[in-house]
C-alpha cells in the first residue's frame, strides 16, 4: 500500500486596480498572476511588481505556493520598492 501523497498546493497573485477612469479594460495574465483594472500607470506598476516577484522566486528556486505569507510580503515589498 502506498502512502498518500500530499495534494499539490496552488497559489496565484491577483492585482486589482481601482483608479481606472479612462474606459480601458486592462487585463494582464502571467505565470501565477492575473491583474485587472487600474489606470495605465497603476496597471503597469502592478505588472512590473508581479514580474519582479516571479524573478525573485526563480532566483530562490521556489514557487509561489512554497513561500510563507511573511516571505511573500517581503518579496512584494522588495519588488515594489516600498
PDB file of N, CA and C in Angstrom:
ATOM      1  N   UNK A   1       0.850  -1.185   0.000  1.00  0.00           N
ATOM      2  CA  UNK A   1       0.000   0.000   0.000  1.00  0.00           C
ATOM      3  C   UNK A   1       0.888   1.238   0.000  1.00  0.00           C
ATOM      4  N   UNK A   2       0.622   2.168  -0.883  1.00  0.00           N
ATOM      5  CA  UNK A   2       1.401   3.391  -0.981  1.00  0.00           C
ATOM      6  C   UNK A   2       0.902   4.428  -0.003  1.00  0.00           C
ATOM      7  N   UNK A   3       1.857   5.205   0.500  1.00  0.00           N
ATOM      8  CA  UNK A   3       1.478   6.313   1.384  1.00  0.00           C
ATOM      9  C   UNK A   3       0.748   7.369   0.570  1.00  0.00           C
ATOM     10  N   UNK A   4      -0.222   7.974   1.166  1.00  0.00           N
ATOM     11  CA  UNK A   4      -0.986   9.018   0.476  1.00  0.00           C
ATOM     12  C   UNK A   4      -0.079  10.206   0.195  1.00  0.00           C
ATOM     13  N   UNK A   5      -0.157  10.698  -1.023  1.00  0.00           N
ATOM     14  CA  UNK A   5       0.635  11.868  -1.394  1.00  0.00           C
ATOM     15  C   UNK A   5      -0.090  13.136  -0.960  1.00  0.00           C
ATOM     16  N   UNK A   6       0.707  14.140  -0.591  1.00  0.00           N
ATOM     17  CA  UNK A   6       0.105  15.422  -0.227  1.00  0.00           C
ATOM     18  C   UNK A   6      -0.462  16.074  -1.474  1.00  0.00           C
ATOM     19  N   UNK A   7      -1.634  16.683  -1.372  1.00  0.00           N
ATOM     20  CA  UNK A   7      -2.176  17.372  -2.545  1.00  0.00           C
ATOM     21  C   UNK A   7      -1.292  18.561  -2.907  1.00  0.00           C
ATOM     22  N   UNK A   8      -1.177  18.824  -4.196  1.00  0.00           N
ATOM     23  CA  UNK A   8      -0.356  19.927  -4.666  1.00  0.00           C
ATOM     24  C   UNK A   8      -1.034  21.250  -4.335  1.00  0.00           C
ATOM     25  N   UNK A   9      -0.263  22.171  -3.774  1.00  0.00           N
ATOM     26  CA  UNK A   9      -0.805  23.487  -3.453  1.00  0.00           C
ATOM     27  C   UNK A   9      -0.659  24.397  -4.669  1.00  0.00           C
ATOM     28  N   UNK A  10      -1.628  25.248  -4.860  1.00  0.00           N
ATOM     29  CA  UNK A  10      -1.582  26.240  -5.929  1.00  0.00           C
ATOM     30  C   UNK A  10      -1.641  27.619  -5.308  1.00  0.00           C
ATOM     31  N   UNK A  11      -1.039  28.566  -5.970  1.00  0.00           N
ATOM     32  CA  UNK A  11      -1.094  29.944  -5.496  1.00  0.00           C
ATOM     33  C   UNK A  11      -1.085  30.869  -6.705  1.00  0.00           C
ATOM     34  N   UNK A  12      -1.721  32.012  -6.548  1.00  0.00           N
ATOM     35  CA  UNK A  12      -1.762  32.994  -7.622  1.00  0.00           C
ATOM     36  C   UNK A  12      -1.827  34.388  -7.015  1.00  0.00           C
ATOM     37  N   UNK A  13      -1.124  35.314  -7.639  1.00  0.00           N
ATOM     38  CA  UNK A  13      -1.226  36.717  -7.240  1.00  0.00           C
ATOM     39  C   UNK A  13      -2.363  37.339  -8.053  1.00  0.00           C
ATOM     40  N   UNK A  14      -3.211  38.079  -7.372  1.00  0.00           N
ATOM     41  CA  UNK A  14      -4.310  38.777  -8.026  1.00  0.00           C
ATOM     42  C   UNK A  14      -4.170  40.253  -7.707  1.00  0.00           C
ATOM     43  N   UNK A  15      -4.072  41.062  -8.742  1.00  0.00           N
ATOM     44  CA  UNK A  15      -3.979  42.507  -8.559  1.00  0.00           C
ATOM     45  C   UNK A  15      -5.205  43.172  -9.143  1.00  0.00           C
ATOM     46  N   UNK A  16      -5.809  44.076  -8.379  1.00  0.00           N
ATOM     47  CA  UNK A  16      -6.994  44.794  -8.834  1.00  0.00           C
ATOM     48  C   UNK A  16      -6.738  46.282  -8.683  1.00  0.00           C
ATOM     49  N   UNK A  17      -6.728  46.985  -9.805  1.00  0.00           N
ATOM     50  CA  UNK A  17      -6.560  48.435  -9.788  1.00  0.00           C
ATOM     51  C   UNK A  17      -7.928  49.096  -9.834  1.00  0.00           C
ATOM     52  N   UNK A  18      -8.130  50.041  -8.957  1.00  0.00           N
ATOM     53  CA  UNK A  18      -9.454  50.676  -8.854  1.00  0.00           C
ATOM     54  C   UNK A  18      -9.478  52.116  -9.337  1.00  0.00           C
ATOM     55  N   UNK A  19      -8.366  52.607  -9.885  1.00  0.00           N
ATOM     56  CA  UNK A  19      -8.305  54.017 -10.259  1.00  0.00           C
ATOM     57  C   UNK A  19      -8.457  54.256 -11.759  1.00  0.00           C
ATOM     58  N   UNK A  20      -8.875  53.256 -12.520  1.00  0.00           N
ATOM     59  CA  UNK A  20      -9.030  53.413 -13.969  1.00  0.00           C
ATOM     60  C   UNK A  20     -10.293  54.181 -14.314  1.00  0.00           C
ATOM     61  N   UNK A  21     -10.125  55.345 -14.905  1.00  0.00           N
ATOM     62  CA  UNK A  21     -11.281  56.173 -15.254  1.00  0.00           C
ATOM     63  C   UNK A  21     -11.317  56.523 -16.744  1.00  0.00           C
ATOM     64  N   UNK A  22     -10.411  55.897 -17.530  1.00  0.00           N
ATOM     65  CA  UNK A  22     -10.323  56.244 -18.945  1.00  0.00           C
ATOM     66  C   UNK A  22     -11.122  55.314 -19.852  1.00  0.00           C
ATOM     67  N   UNK A  23     -11.847  54.360 -19.280  1.00  0.00           N
ATOM     68  CA  UNK A  23     -12.694  53.473 -20.071  1.00  0.00           C
ATOM     69  C   UNK A  23     -11.991  52.234 -20.614  1.00  0.00           C
ATOM     70  N   UNK A  24     -10.686  52.142 -20.459  1.00  0.00           N
ATOM     71  CA  UNK A  24      -9.954  50.965 -20.928  1.00  0.00           C
ATOM     72  C   UNK A  24     -10.141  49.811 -19.950  1.00  0.00           C
ATOM     73  N   UNK A  25     -10.247  48.616 -20.494  1.00  0.00           N
ATOM     74  CA  UNK A  25     -10.333  47.410 -19.670  1.00  0.00           C
ATOM     75  C   UNK A  25      -8.986  46.715 -19.764  1.00  0.00           C
ATOM     76  N   UNK A  26      -8.209  46.822 -18.709  1.00  0.00           N
ATOM     77  CA  UNK A  26      -6.863  46.254 -18.701  1.00  0.00           C
ATOM     78  C   UNK A  26      -6.857  44.920 -17.974  1.00  0.00           C
ATOM     79  N   UNK A  27      -6.335  43.899 -18.641  1.00  0.00           N
ATOM     80  CA  UNK A  27      -6.188  42.570 -18.054  1.00  0.00           C
ATOM     81  C   UNK A  27      -4.828  42.040 -18.496  1.00  0.00           C
ATOM     82  N   UNK A  28      -4.025  41.627 -17.533  1.00  0.00           N
ATOM     83  CA  UNK A  28      -2.728  41.028 -17.842  1.00  0.00           C
ATOM     84  C   UNK A  28      -2.607  39.741 -17.055  1.00  0.00           C
ATOM     85  N   UNK A  29      -2.296  38.655 -17.778  1.00  0.00           N
ATOM     86  CA  UNK A  29      -2.117  37.350 -17.141  1.00  0.00           C
ATOM     87  C   UNK A  29      -0.690  36.895 -17.386  1.00  0.00           C
ATOM     88  N   UNK A  30      -0.130  36.261 -16.378  1.00  0.00           N
ATOM     89  CA  UNK A  30       1.220  35.729 -16.496  1.00  0.00           C
ATOM     90  C   UNK A  30       1.366  34.504 -15.631  1.00  0.00           C
ATOM     91  N   UNK A  31       2.616  34.047 -15.508  1.00  0.00           N
ATOM     92  CA  UNK A  31       2.891  32.881 -14.687  1.00  0.00           C
ATOM     93  C   UNK A  31       2.509  33.188 -13.254  1.00  0.00           C
ATOM     94  N   UNK A  32       1.492  32.572 -12.755  1.00  0.00           N
ATOM     95  CA  UNK A  32       0.921  32.681 -11.411  1.00  0.00           C
ATOM     96  C   UNK A  32       0.441  34.071 -11.023  1.00  0.00           C
ATOM     97  N   UNK A  33       0.027  34.899 -12.005  1.00  0.00           N
ATOM     98  CA  UNK A  33      -0.602  36.167 -11.646  1.00  0.00           C
ATOM     99  C   UNK A  33      -1.654  36.577 -12.665  1.00  0.00           C
ATOM    100  N   UNK A  34      -2.629  37.347 -12.178  1.00  0.00           N
ATOM    101  CA  UNK A  34      -3.667  37.939 -13.015  1.00  0.00           C
ATOM    102  C   UNK A  34      -3.935  39.339 -12.473  1.00  0.00           C
ATOM    103  N   UNK A  35      -3.856  40.324 -13.362  1.00  0.00           N
ATOM    104  CA  UNK A  35      -4.023  41.721 -12.974  1.00  0.00           C
ATOM    105  C   UNK A  35      -5.160  42.319 -13.775  1.00  0.00           C
ATOM    106  N   UNK A  36      -6.054  43.038 -13.106  1.00  0.00           N
ATOM    107  CA  UNK A  36      -7.189  43.646 -13.796  1.00  0.00           C
ATOM    108  C   UNK A  36      -7.372  45.078 -13.332  1.00  0.00           C
ATOM    109  N   UNK A  37      -7.815  45.904 -14.272  1.00  0.00           N
ATOM    110  CA  UNK A  37      -8.194  47.272 -13.954  1.00  0.00           C
ATOM    111  C   UNK A  37      -7.028  48.198 -13.714  1.00  0.00           C
ATOM    112  N   UNK A  38      -7.380  49.349 -13.222  1.00  0.00           N
ATOM    113  CA  UNK A  38      -6.406  50.373 -12.902  1.00  0.00           C
ATOM    114  C   UNK A  38      -6.132  51.307 -14.064  1.00  0.00           C
ATOM    115  N   UNK A  39      -5.557  52.443 -13.723  1.00  0.00           N
ATOM    116  CA  UNK A  39      -5.104  53.377 -14.756  1.00  0.00           C
ATOM    117  C   UNK A  39      -3.924  52.744 -15.473  1.00  0.00           C
ATOM    118  N   UNK A  40      -3.492  53.336 -16.560  1.00  0.00           N
ATOM    119  CA  UNK A  40      -2.335  52.807 -17.288  1.00  0.00           C
ATOM    120  C   UNK A  40      -1.122  52.725 -16.361  1.00  0.00           C
ATOM    121  N   UNK A  41      -0.906  53.769 -15.578  1.00  0.00           N
ATOM    122  CA  UNK A  41       0.234  53.823 -14.660  1.00  0.00           C
ATOM    123  C   UNK A  41       0.139  52.739 -13.574  1.00  0.00           C
ATOM    124  N   UNK A  42      -1.028  52.608 -12.975  1.00  0.00           N
ATOM    125  CA  UNK A  42      -1.225  51.612 -11.923  1.00  0.00           C
ATOM    126  C   UNK A  42      -1.064  50.205 -12.467  1.00  0.00           C
ATOM    127  N   UNK A  43      -1.662  49.940 -13.623  1.00  0.00           N
ATOM    128  CA  UNK A  43      -1.590  48.601 -14.205  1.00  0.00           C
ATOM    129  C   UNK A  43      -0.144  48.251 -14.552  1.00  0.00           C
ATOM    130  N   UNK A  44       0.574  49.210 -15.079  1.00  0.00           N
ATOM    131  CA  UNK A  44       1.988  48.988 -15.409  1.00  0.00           C
ATOM    132  C   UNK A  44       2.800  48.685 -14.146  1.00  0.00           C
ATOM    133  N   UNK A  45       2.531  49.407 -13.069  1.00  0.00           N
ATOM    134  CA  UNK A  45       3.244  49.182 -11.810  1.00  0.00           C
ATOM    135  C   UNK A  45       2.921  47.796 -11.247  1.00  0.00           C
ATOM    136  N   UNK A  46       1.653  47.382 -11.330  1.00  0.00           N
ATOM    137  CA  UNK A  46       1.272  46.047 -10.845  1.00  0.00           C
ATOM    138  C   UNK A  46       1.977  44.969 -11.663  1.00  0.00           C
ATOM    139  N   UNK A  47       2.024  45.159 -12.975  1.00  0.00           N
ATOM    140  CA  UNK A  47       2.662  44.183 -13.859  1.00  0.00           C
ATOM    141  C   UNK A  47       4.145  44.064 -13.542  1.00  0.00           C
ATOM    142  N   UNK A  48       4.795  45.190 -13.417  1.00  0.00           N
ATOM    143  CA  UNK A  48       6.226  45.209 -13.102  1.00  0.00           C
ATOM    144  C   UNK A  48       6.503  44.504 -11.773  1.00  0.00           C
ATOM    145  N   UNK A  49       5.682  44.770 -10.780  1.00  0.00           N
ATOM    146  CA  UNK A  49       5.856  44.155  -9.461  1.00  0.00           C
ATOM    147  C   UNK A  49       5.662  42.648  -9.531  1.00  0.00           C
ATOM    148  N   UNK A  50       4.622  42.189 -10.212  1.00  0.00           N
ATOM    149  CA  UNK A  50       4.358  40.742 -10.316  1.00  0.00           C
ATOM    150  C   UNK A  50       5.514  40.034 -11.023  1.00  0.00           C
ATOM    151  N   UNK A  51       6.037  40.642 -12.075  1.00  0.00           N
ATOM    152  CA  UNK A  51       7.159  40.042 -12.802  1.00  0.00           C
ATOM    153  C   UNK A  51       8.396  39.980 -11.915  1.00  0.00           C
ATOM    154  N   UNK A  52       8.659  41.040 -11.159  1.00  0.00           N
ATOM    155  CA  UNK A  52       9.814  41.055 -10.260  1.00  0.00           C
ATOM    156  C   UNK A  52       9.684  40.002  -9.163  1.00  0.00           C
ATOM    157  N   UNK A  53       8.471  39.830  -8.628  1.00  0.00           N
ATOM    158  CA  UNK A  53       8.256  38.792  -7.610  1.00  0.00           C
ATOM    159  C   UNK A  53       8.584  37.426  -8.208  1.00  0.00           C
ATOM    160  N   UNK A  54       8.109  37.173  -9.431  1.00  0.00           N
ATOM    161  CA  UNK A  54       8.400  35.895 -10.087  1.00  0.00           C
ATOM    162  C   UNK A  54       9.901  35.711 -10.314  1.00  0.00           C
ATOM    163  N   UNK A  55      10.590  36.776 -10.687  1.00  0.00           N
ATOM    164  CA  UNK A  55      12.037  36.692 -10.890  1.00  0.00           C
ATOM    165  C   UNK A  55      12.752  36.369  -9.577  1.00  0.00           C
ATOM    166  N   UNK A  56      12.331  37.004  -8.489  1.00  0.00           N
ATOM    167  CA  UNK A  56      12.934  36.743  -7.177  1.00  0.00           C
ATOM    168  C   UNK A  56      12.668  35.304  -6.734  1.00  0.00           C
ATOM    169  N   UNK A  57      11.471  34.809  -6.983  1.00  0.00           N
ATOM    170  CA  UNK A  57      11.145  33.419  -6.659  1.00  0.00           C
ATOM    171  C   UNK A  57      12.022  32.468  -7.464  1.00  0.00           C
ATOM    172  N   UNK A  58      12.198  32.757  -8.751  1.00  0.00           N
ATOM    173  CA  UNK A  58      13.016  31.895  -9.611  1.00  0.00           C
ATOM    174  C   UNK A  58      14.460  31.853  -9.119  1.00  0.00           C
ATOM    175  N   UNK A  59      14.992  33.009  -8.716  1.00  0.00           N
ATOM    176  CA  UNK A  59      16.367  33.038  -8.205  1.00  0.00           C
ATOM    177  C   UNK A  59      16.506  32.195  -6.936  1.00  0.00           C
ATOM    178  N   UNK A  60      15.430  32.129  -6.152  1.00  0.00           N
ATOM    179  CA  UNK A  60      15.449  31.329  -4.917  1.00  0.00           C
ATOM    180  C   UNK A  60      15.121  29.862  -5.189  1.00  0.00           C
ATOM    181  N   UNK A  61      14.722  29.557  -6.424  1.00  0.00           N
ATOM    182  CA  UNK A  61      14.351  28.188  -6.768  1.00  0.00           C
ATOM    183  C   UNK A  61      13.054  27.756  -6.116  1.00  0.00           C
ATOM    184  N   UNK A  62      12.145  28.711  -5.907  1.00  0.00           N
ATOM    185  CA  UNK A  62      10.876  28.411  -5.243  1.00  0.00           C
ATOM    186  C   UNK A  62       9.697  28.765  -6.136  1.00  0.00           C
ATOM    187  N   UNK A  63       8.569  28.161  -5.799  1.00  0.00           N
ATOM    188  CA  UNK A  63       7.302  28.503  -6.439  1.00  0.00           C
ATOM    189  C   UNK A  63       6.499  29.343  -5.445  1.00  0.00           C
ATOM    190  N   UNK A  64       5.570  30.116  -5.943  1.00  0.00           N
ATOM    191  CA  UNK A  64       4.749  30.969  -5.092  1.00  0.00           C
ATOM    192  C   UNK A  64       4.066  30.164  -3.984  1.00  0.00           C
ATOM    193  N   UNK A  65       3.630  28.969  -4.300  1.00  0.00           N
ATOM    194  CA  UNK A  65       2.921  28.141  -3.320  1.00  0.00           C
ATOM    195  C   UNK A  65       3.824  27.649  -2.193  1.00  0.00           C
ATOM    196  N   UNK A  66       5.130  27.823  -2.336  1.00  0.00           N
ATOM    197  CA  UNK A  66       6.079  27.316  -1.345  1.00  0.00           C
ATOM    198  C   UNK A  66       6.534  28.363  -0.330  1.00  0.00           C
ATOM    199  N   UNK A  67       6.135  29.612  -0.507  1.00  0.00           N
ATOM    200  CA  UNK A  67       6.608  30.652   0.412  1.00  0.00           C
ATOM    201  C   UNK A  67       5.543  30.965   1.462  1.00  0.00           C
ATOM    202  N   UNK A  68       6.011  31.359   2.631  1.00  0.00           N
ATOM    203  CA  UNK A  68       5.094  31.743   3.705  1.00  0.00           C
ATOM    204  C   UNK A  68       4.513  33.120   3.401  1.00  0.00           C
ATOM    205  N   UNK A  69       3.500  33.493   4.135  1.00  0.00           N
ATOM    206  CA  UNK A  69       2.911  34.829   3.972  1.00  0.00           C
ATOM    207  C   UNK A  69       3.945  35.909   4.242  1.00  0.00           C
ATOM    208  N   UNK A  70       4.759  35.679   5.265  1.00  0.00           N
ATOM    209  CA  UNK A  70       5.780  36.661   5.628  1.00  0.00           C
ATOM    210  C   UNK A  70       6.815  36.804   4.519  1.00  0.00           C
ATOM    211  N   UNK A  71       7.265  35.679   3.967  1.00  0.00           N
ATOM    212  CA  UNK A  71       8.249  35.720   2.884  1.00  0.00           C
ATOM    213  C   UNK A  71       7.647  36.381   1.647  1.00  0.00           C
ATOM    214  N   UNK A  72       6.372  36.089   1.362  1.00  0.00           N
ATOM    215  CA  UNK A  72       5.713  36.730   0.224  1.00  0.00           C
ATOM    216  C   UNK A  72       5.630  38.243   0.432  1.00  0.00           C
ATOM    217  N   UNK A  73       5.270  38.666   1.635  1.00  0.00           N
ATOM    218  CA  UNK A  73       5.187  40.097   1.931  1.00  0.00           C
ATOM    219  C   UNK A  73       6.544  40.764   1.738  1.00  0.00           C
ATOM    220  N   UNK A  74       7.616  40.098   2.169  1.00  0.00           N
ATOM    221  CA  UNK A  74       8.967  40.635   1.973  1.00  0.00           C
ATOM    222  C   UNK A  74       9.308  40.742   0.489  1.00  0.00           C
ATOM    223  N   UNK A  75       8.995  39.704  -0.275  1.00  0.00           N
ATOM    224  CA  UNK A  75       9.249  39.723  -1.714  1.00  0.00           C
ATOM    225  C   UNK A  75       8.479  40.850  -2.392  1.00  0.00           C
ATOM    226  N   UNK A  76       7.244  41.032  -1.986  1.00  0.00           N
ATOM    227  CA  UNK A  76       6.395  42.070  -2.564  1.00  0.00           C
ATOM    228  C   UNK A  76       6.941  43.458  -2.252  1.00  0.00           C
ATOM    229  N   UNK A  77       7.375  43.674  -1.007  1.00  0.00           N
ATOM    230  CA  UNK A  77       7.975  44.969  -0.635  1.00  0.00           C
ATOM    231  C   UNK A  77       9.239  45.246  -1.448  1.00  0.00           C
ATOM    232  N   UNK A  78      10.086  44.234  -1.568  1.00  0.00           N
ATOM    233  CA  UNK A  78      11.322  44.394  -2.340  1.00  0.00           C
ATOM    234  C   UNK A  78      11.010  44.697  -3.803  1.00  0.00           C
ATOM    235  N   UNK A  79      10.066  43.953  -4.379  1.00  0.00           N
ATOM    236  CA  UNK A  79       9.738  44.109  -5.792  1.00  0.00           C
ATOM    237  C   UNK A  79       9.085  45.447  -6.099  1.00  0.00           C
ATOM    238  N   UNK A  80       8.322  45.965  -5.158  1.00  0.00           N
ATOM    239  CA  UNK A  80       7.612  47.225  -5.411  1.00  0.00           C
ATOM    240  C   UNK A  80       8.438  48.437  -4.996  1.00  0.00           C
ATOM    241  N   UNK A  81       9.553  48.187  -4.308  1.00  0.00           N
ATOM    242  CA  UNK A  81      10.397  49.301  -3.876  1.00  0.00           C
ATOM    243  C   UNK A  81       9.825  50.066  -2.692  1.00  0.00           C
ATOM    244  N   UNK A  82       8.950  49.431  -1.930  1.00  0.00           N
ATOM    245  CA  UNK A  82       8.330  50.106  -0.780  1.00  0.00           C
ATOM    246  C   UNK A  82       8.731  49.486   0.510  1.00  0.00           C
TER     247      UNK A  82
END
